[in-house]
Amino acid sequence: MTLNIGIIGAGRIGKLHVDNLRGISQIQVKSVSDVVIDHLESWAKEKQIEVLTTDYHDILNDPVIDAVFICSPTNTHATIIKEAAAAGKHIFCEKPVSFSVEETEEALEAVKKAGVKLQVGFNRRFDPNFRKVRQIVQDGGIGTPHILRITSRDPEPPGVEYIKSSGGLFMDMTIHDFDMARYVMGSEVTEVYASGAVLVSPEIGEAGDIDTAIVTLKFANGAIGVIDNSRQAVYGYDQRLEIFGEKGAAQADNNRATNVEVSTAEHVSKDKPLYFFLERYNQAYIDEVTEFANAILLNQEVSCTGFDGLQAQVIAKAAKKSLETGAPVLLQETASIAG
């Protein structure tokens, strides 16, 4: 069986998925849509894409298409999910599903009603290092978890125009860490307390956002967690995780070009962390689309569900409310932070 795929949104991440999907023998990337396609013609020809269109409905209305990848701006995700579900297409959607808890719930209901599969693009779940830490926790290797610590810092901030449409640090950046916290801990977040500051770029503050944050989490299993974020780590893409428990600890360090450490009388040195997220999570991006394809081909459950996307989004909303009020927010307050 060959799966015919349509890509909606041909920006950086859409093009990455095209490349990774083309490496899977049972996948055919048939169609790509974007609001502007003139600059994509030679690229589409090189990638052997049959259909290039400015209207994503051409993809949804094509009976040959089995699944779509939604890589368009976040404010379009929920609408396209609902339309794709109604068209009977399986769906891979980049994070977040939407900026609104209510819209996301509506989209998930449409998916459920249509009986199609939906996978949310939290690629870090597929990183081999983080997966191993999770497995150690699940196997009882560190006993009962007590503390989770996640460090997630970008090498440089995005442009201010992106900041204005991103949904804010918690929805755009920390949402990956919120998903990772649930994934590794194997327990739901029950309370969120966030503090933040503008320490990297005054323009980010002027756009109404923060660029530096600490978020404290409480989990249903009694454990606690802390996430630290920055929009700028001058030494590279800083991605570390540690989980500590009654019998020990497991941690995943940064990926580097090599693991060689040089020690002399003058200094001890090793390579800096990989600088760009596409380098750091190259294998994770490949594995997530491979597992999505296998979920369809073998009729299995997807590895990162719409519910997972919703929960990360709810935590992000709670973090924003906590930042605004200066107080912890219980996740039971979901109804008051929806929208």
Protein backbone atom coordinates (compact mmCIF):
# COMPACT_ATOMS: atom_id res chain seq x y z
CA MET A 1 0.00 0.00 0.00
CA THR A 2 1.18 3.52 -0.84
CA LEU A 3 0.11 6.48 1.28
CA ASN A 4 -0.51 9.66 -0.67
CA ILE A 5 0.27 12.74 1.39
CA GLY A 6 -0.62 16.41 1.01
CA ILE A 7 1.38 19.14 2.72
CA ILE A 8 -0.44 22.33 3.75
CA GLY A 9 2.11 25.08 4.30
CA ALA A 10 5.50 25.01 2.58
CA GLY A 11 7.63 26.95 5.01
CA ARG A 12 10.71 25.58 6.72
CA ILE A 13 8.92 22.82 8.62
CA GLY A 14 6.70 21.86 5.68
CA LYS A 15 9.72 21.42 3.43
CA LEU A 16 11.48 19.40 6.13
CA HIS A 17 8.53 17.00 6.31
CA VAL A 18 8.56 16.63 2.53
CA ASP A 19 12.20 15.56 2.64
CA ASN A 20 11.66 13.13 5.51
CA LEU A 21 8.49 11.63 4.04
CA ARG A 22 10.19 11.06 0.69
CA GLY A 23 12.64 8.83 2.51
CA ILE A 24 9.86 6.38 3.43
CA SER A 25 9.30 3.74 0.74
CA GLN A 26 5.51 3.53 1.13
CA ILE A 27 4.94 7.30 1.03
CA GLN A 28 4.18 9.50 -1.96
CA VAL A 29 4.08 13.27 -1.34
CA LYS A 30 1.60 14.14 -4.06
CA SER A 31 0.51 17.70 -3.29
CA VAL A 32 1.71 20.86 -1.58
CA SER A 33 -0.24 24.05 -0.93
CA ASP A 34 0.92 27.46 0.19
CA VAL A 35 -0.48 30.97 -0.06
CA VAL A 36 2.36 31.91 -2.44
CA ILE A 37 3.81 29.26 -4.75
CA ASP A 38 5.77 31.05 -7.49
CA HIS A 39 9.05 30.57 -5.62
CA LEU A 40 8.26 26.90 -5.04
CA GLU A 41 7.95 25.70 -8.62
CA SER A 42 11.54 24.52 -9.13
CA TRP A 43 11.61 23.01 -5.63
CA ALA A 44 8.37 21.10 -6.25
CA LYS A 45 9.70 19.78 -9.55
CA GLU A 46 12.91 18.63 -7.87
CA LYS A 47 10.90 16.83 -5.17
CA GLN A 48 8.62 15.21 -7.78
CA ILE A 49 5.49 16.81 -6.33
CA GLU A 50 2.60 16.47 -8.78
CA VAL A 51 0.34 19.25 -7.53
CA LEU A 52 1.33 22.72 -6.33
CA THR A 53 -1.59 24.92 -5.36
CA THR A 54 -2.51 28.08 -3.46
CA ASP A 55 -5.78 26.51 -2.24
CA TYR A 56 -5.41 23.73 0.34
CA HIS A 57 -8.97 22.65 -0.44
CA ASP A 58 -7.57 21.16 -3.64
CA ILE A 59 -5.72 18.73 -1.40
CA LEU A 60 -8.69 18.00 0.85
CA ASN A 61 -10.96 17.42 -2.17
CA ASP A 62 -8.53 15.01 -3.82
CA PRO A 63 -9.85 11.46 -3.23
CA VAL A 64 -6.36 10.02 -3.73
CA ILE A 65 -4.92 11.86 -0.70
CA ASP A 66 -4.87 9.66 2.40
CA ALA A 67 -3.38 12.10 4.93
CA VAL A 68 -2.43 15.74 5.29
CA PHE A 69 0.33 17.55 7.15
CA ILE A 70 -0.82 20.90 8.53
CA CYS A 71 2.24 23.16 8.62
CA SER A 72 0.43 26.46 8.11
CA PRO A 73 0.18 29.30 10.70
CA THR A 74 -1.35 28.28 14.03
CA ASN A 75 -4.47 30.40 13.56
CA THR A 76 -5.47 28.14 10.64
CA HIS A 77 -4.88 24.77 12.32
CA ALA A 78 -8.25 24.12 13.96
CA THR A 79 -10.24 25.03 10.86
CA ILE A 80 -8.13 22.84 8.60
CA ILE A 81 -8.27 19.94 11.07
CA LYS A 82 -12.06 20.05 11.05
CA GLU A 83 -12.20 20.27 7.25
CA ALA A 84 -9.65 17.49 6.80
CA ALA A 85 -11.51 15.24 9.22
CA ALA A 86 -14.77 15.85 7.36
CA ALA A 87 -12.95 14.90 4.16
CA GLY A 88 -11.82 11.62 5.74
CA LYS A 89 -8.11 12.45 5.79
CA HIS A 90 -5.71 11.37 8.51
CA ILE A 91 -4.00 14.39 10.02
CA PHE A 92 -0.56 15.38 11.24
CA CYS A 93 -0.68 18.89 12.75
CA GLU A 94 2.18 21.01 13.96
CA LYS A 95 1.96 22.43 17.48
CA PRO A 96 -0.01 24.06 18.93
CA VAL A 97 -3.36 22.83 17.68
CA SER A 98 -4.72 26.34 18.22
CA PHE A 99 -4.49 29.32 20.55
CA SER A 100 -7.88 28.50 22.06
CA VAL A 101 -8.74 25.55 24.29
CA GLU A 102 -12.31 25.67 23.01
CA GLU A 103 -11.22 25.60 19.34
CA THR A 104 -8.90 22.67 20.02
CA GLU A 105 -11.68 20.73 21.74
CA GLU A 106 -13.94 21.34 18.73
CA ALA A 107 -11.23 20.11 16.37
CA LEU A 108 -10.65 16.97 18.44
CA GLU A 109 -14.38 16.27 18.47
CA ALA A 110 -14.44 16.51 14.66
CA VAL A 111 -11.55 14.05 14.46
CA LYS A 112 -13.29 11.64 16.80
CA LYS A 113 -16.55 11.87 14.85
CA ALA A 114 -14.78 11.21 11.54
CA GLY A 115 -12.77 8.29 12.91
CA VAL A 116 -9.49 9.52 11.44
CA LYS A 117 -6.08 9.64 13.10
CA LEU A 118 -4.56 12.87 14.42
CA GLN A 119 -0.94 13.21 15.51
CA VAL A 120 0.40 16.45 16.99
CA GLY A 121 3.95 17.47 16.11
CA PHE A 122 5.69 17.38 19.46
CA ASN A 123 8.87 16.08 17.87
CA ARG A 124 10.90 15.98 21.10
CA ARG A 125 8.97 12.89 22.21
CA PHE A 126 10.80 11.06 19.44
CA ASP A 127 14.30 12.13 20.45
CA PRO A 128 16.23 8.91 21.30
CA ASN A 129 17.75 10.46 24.44
CA PHE A 130 14.45 11.65 25.92
CA ARG A 131 12.76 8.40 24.97
CA LYS A 132 15.37 6.44 26.87
CA VAL A 133 14.89 8.60 29.98
CA ARG A 134 11.15 8.01 29.79
CA GLN A 135 11.66 4.26 29.44
CA ILE A 136 13.94 4.23 32.48
CA VAL A 137 11.22 5.99 34.48
CA GLN A 138 8.52 3.62 33.22
CA ASP A 139 10.66 0.59 34.05
CA GLY A 140 11.15 1.81 37.61
CA GLY A 141 14.86 2.44 37.12
CA ILE A 142 14.89 5.48 39.40
CA GLY A 143 12.01 4.39 41.62
CA THR A 144 9.27 6.86 42.40
CA PRO A 145 9.97 10.17 40.59
CA HIS A 146 10.47 13.19 42.84
CA ILE A 147 11.87 16.06 40.75
CA LEU A 148 11.90 16.86 37.02
CA ARG A 149 14.20 19.54 35.66
CA ILE A 150 14.02 20.72 32.04
CA THR A 151 16.31 23.33 30.48
CA SER A 152 15.25 24.66 27.08
CA ARG A 153 17.04 27.69 25.64
CA ASP A 154 17.17 28.87 22.04
CA PRO A 155 20.42 30.13 20.51
CA GLU A 156 18.85 33.41 19.39
CA PRO A 157 15.42 35.04 19.53
CA PRO A 158 13.09 35.03 16.52
CA GLY A 159 12.11 38.26 14.78
CA VAL A 160 9.67 40.52 16.56
CA GLU A 161 7.03 40.01 13.85
CA TYR A 162 7.07 36.31 14.61
CA ILE A 163 6.78 37.05 18.34
CA LYS A 164 3.63 39.09 17.71
CA SER A 165 1.86 36.15 16.04
CA SER A 166 3.39 33.28 18.04
CA GLY A 167 0.96 33.20 20.93
CA GLY A 168 3.73 34.09 23.37
CA LEU A 169 6.67 32.24 24.90
CA PHE A 170 4.57 29.68 26.76
CA MET A 171 2.42 28.76 23.76
CA ASP A 172 5.20 28.88 21.19
CA MET A 173 8.31 27.62 22.99
CA THR A 174 7.60 26.25 26.46
CA ILE A 175 4.69 24.19 25.10
CA HIS A 176 7.30 21.64 23.95
CA ASP A 177 8.56 21.43 27.53
CA PHE A 178 5.05 21.11 28.93
CA ASP A 179 4.49 18.12 26.65
CA MET A 180 7.89 16.68 27.58
CA ALA A 181 7.09 17.04 31.28
CA ARG A 182 3.91 14.95 30.94
CA TYR A 183 5.63 12.48 28.62
CA VAL A 184 8.66 11.78 30.81
CA MET A 185 6.90 11.93 34.15
CA GLY A 186 3.97 9.78 33.05
CA SER A 187 1.65 11.90 35.18
CA GLU A 188 -0.63 14.85 34.57
CA VAL A 189 0.23 18.39 35.66
CA THR A 190 -2.13 19.66 38.36
CA GLU A 191 -0.69 23.10 39.18
CA VAL A 192 1.43 25.69 37.37
CA TYR A 193 3.34 28.69 38.70
CA ALA A 194 5.23 30.91 36.26
CA SER A 195 7.49 33.92 36.47
CA GLY A 196 9.10 35.73 33.57
CA ALA A 197 11.14 38.71 32.48
CA VAL A 198 12.43 40.58 29.45
CA LEU A 199 16.20 40.18 29.67
CA VAL A 200 17.22 39.42 26.08
CA SER A 201 15.42 41.88 23.80
CA PRO A 202 13.44 45.02 24.70
CA GLU A 203 11.56 44.59 21.40
CA ILE A 204 10.08 41.34 22.70
CA GLY A 205 8.78 43.19 25.75
CA GLU A 206 7.37 45.94 23.54
CA ALA A 207 5.53 43.23 21.59
CA GLY A 208 3.87 42.14 24.84
CA ASP A 209 5.88 39.00 25.51
CA ILE A 210 8.72 37.77 27.73
CA ASP A 211 11.99 36.13 26.70
CA THR A 212 13.07 34.49 29.96
CA ALA A 213 10.96 32.28 32.24
CA ILE A 214 10.89 29.83 35.11
CA VAL A 215 7.86 27.55 35.41
CA THR A 216 7.19 25.31 38.40
CA LEU A 217 4.89 22.31 37.97
CA LYS A 218 3.10 20.00 40.37
CA PHE A 219 2.07 16.55 39.15
CA ALA A 220 -0.77 14.24 40.10
CA ASN A 221 1.75 11.65 41.34
CA GLY A 222 3.08 14.15 43.89
CA ALA A 223 6.30 15.00 42.05
CA ILE A 224 7.39 18.55 41.25
CA GLY A 225 9.13 19.97 38.21
CA VAL A 226 10.87 23.09 37.03
CA ILE A 227 11.38 24.39 33.50
CA ASP A 228 13.77 27.20 32.62
CA ASN A 229 13.57 28.98 29.26
CA SER A 230 15.52 31.67 27.49
CA ARG A 231 15.23 33.00 23.96
CA GLN A 232 19.01 33.39 23.76
CA ALA A 233 21.79 31.03 24.81
CA VAL A 234 24.87 32.41 23.06
CA TYR A 235 26.67 29.05 23.16
CA GLY A 236 24.07 27.07 21.21
CA TYR A 237 20.76 25.22 21.41
CA ASP A 238 20.59 24.18 25.07
CA GLN A 239 18.31 21.17 25.61
CA ARG A 240 18.76 19.19 28.81
CA LEU A 241 16.56 17.09 31.04
CA GLU A 242 16.94 15.31 34.38
CA ILE A 243 14.50 13.29 36.42
CA PHE A 244 15.39 12.44 40.01
CA GLY A 245 13.72 9.75 42.09
CA GLU A 246 13.97 7.65 45.24
CA LYS A 247 16.48 5.21 43.70
CA GLY A 248 18.55 7.56 41.55
CA ALA A 249 18.44 9.92 38.59
CA ALA A 250 18.44 9.85 34.79
CA GLN A 251 19.53 12.74 32.62
CA ALA A 252 19.93 13.62 28.96
CA ASP A 253 22.59 16.17 28.06
CA ASN A 254 23.00 18.37 25.00
CA ASN A 255 23.84 16.88 21.63
CA ARG A 256 27.21 18.03 20.31
CA ALA A 257 29.17 17.61 17.09
CA THR A 258 31.42 15.16 18.96
CA ASN A 259 31.65 13.90 22.54
CA VAL A 260 35.40 14.52 22.70
CA GLU A 261 36.66 16.41 25.75
CA VAL A 262 40.17 17.88 25.72
CA SER A 263 41.97 18.46 29.03
CA THR A 264 45.24 20.38 29.30
CA ALA A 265 47.04 22.43 31.94
CA GLU A 266 45.36 25.54 30.55
CA HIS A 267 41.77 24.42 30.06
CA VAL A 268 39.21 21.66 29.68
CA SER A 269 37.09 21.97 26.55
CA LYS A 270 34.51 20.17 24.47
CA ASP A 271 32.29 21.05 21.51
CA LYS A 272 29.47 23.50 22.03
CA PRO A 273 25.87 22.23 21.76
CA LEU A 274 24.48 21.97 18.25
CA TYR A 275 23.26 25.41 17.26
CA PHE A 276 20.06 24.83 15.32
CA PHE A 277 16.95 22.87 16.28
CA LEU A 278 16.84 21.09 12.92
CA GLU A 279 20.29 19.65 13.65
CA ARG A 280 19.48 18.79 17.26
CA TYR A 281 16.24 17.01 16.46
CA ASN A 282 17.00 15.69 12.97
CA GLN A 283 16.37 12.04 13.90
CA ALA A 284 13.33 12.94 15.99
CA TYR A 285 11.70 14.63 12.98
CA ILE A 286 12.33 11.54 10.87
CA ASP A 287 11.01 9.18 13.52
CA GLU A 288 7.82 11.14 14.19
CA VAL A 289 6.68 11.08 10.54
CA THR A 290 7.70 7.43 10.20
CA GLU A 291 5.58 6.49 13.20
CA PHE A 292 2.65 8.52 11.86
CA ALA A 293 2.87 6.64 8.56
CA ASN A 294 3.08 3.31 10.37
CA ALA A 295 0.07 4.21 12.51
CA ILE A 296 -1.97 4.54 9.32
CA LEU A 297 -0.47 1.59 7.45
CA LEU A 298 -0.72 -0.78 10.43
CA ASN A 299 -3.85 0.78 11.97
CA GLN A 300 -2.08 1.57 15.24
CA GLU A 301 -2.50 4.38 17.74
CA VAL A 302 -0.47 7.51 17.06
CA SER A 303 2.39 8.32 19.43
CA CYS A 304 1.29 11.87 20.25
CA THR A 305 -2.47 12.34 20.29
CA GLY A 306 -4.79 15.29 20.05
CA PHE A 307 -5.36 14.92 23.79
CA ASP A 308 -1.64 15.38 24.33
CA GLY A 309 -1.79 18.54 22.25
CA LEU A 310 -4.74 19.81 24.26
CA GLN A 311 -3.10 19.16 27.62
CA ALA A 312 0.09 21.01 26.67
CA GLN A 313 -2.02 23.89 25.47
CA VAL A 314 -4.00 23.99 28.71
CA ILE A 315 -0.76 24.10 30.71
CA ALA A 316 0.51 26.95 28.51
CA LYS A 317 -2.69 28.89 29.14
CA ALA A 318 -2.34 28.28 32.87
CA ALA A 319 1.28 29.48 32.80
CA LYS A 320 0.25 32.69 31.09
CA LYS A 321 -2.50 33.26 33.66
CA SER A 322 -0.03 32.61 36.47
CA LEU A 323 2.42 35.11 34.98
CA GLU A 324 -0.32 37.73 34.78
CA THR A 325 -1.70 37.16 38.28
CA GLY A 326 1.50 36.26 40.12
CA ALA A 327 -0.24 33.24 41.65
CA PRO A 328 -0.23 29.47 41.07
CA VAL A 329 -2.99 28.17 38.77
CA LEU A 330 -4.74 24.85 39.26
CA LEU A 331 -5.40 22.91 36.06
CA GLN A 332 -8.97 22.32 37.22
CA GLU A 333 -9.43 25.98 36.33
CA THR A 334 -9.29 25.04 32.64
CA ALA A 335 -12.77 26.42 32.02
CA SER A 336 -11.78 29.87 33.21
CA ILE A 337 -8.72 30.03 30.93
CA ALA A 338 -10.34 28.62 27.79
CA GLY A 339 -10.52 30.78 24.71
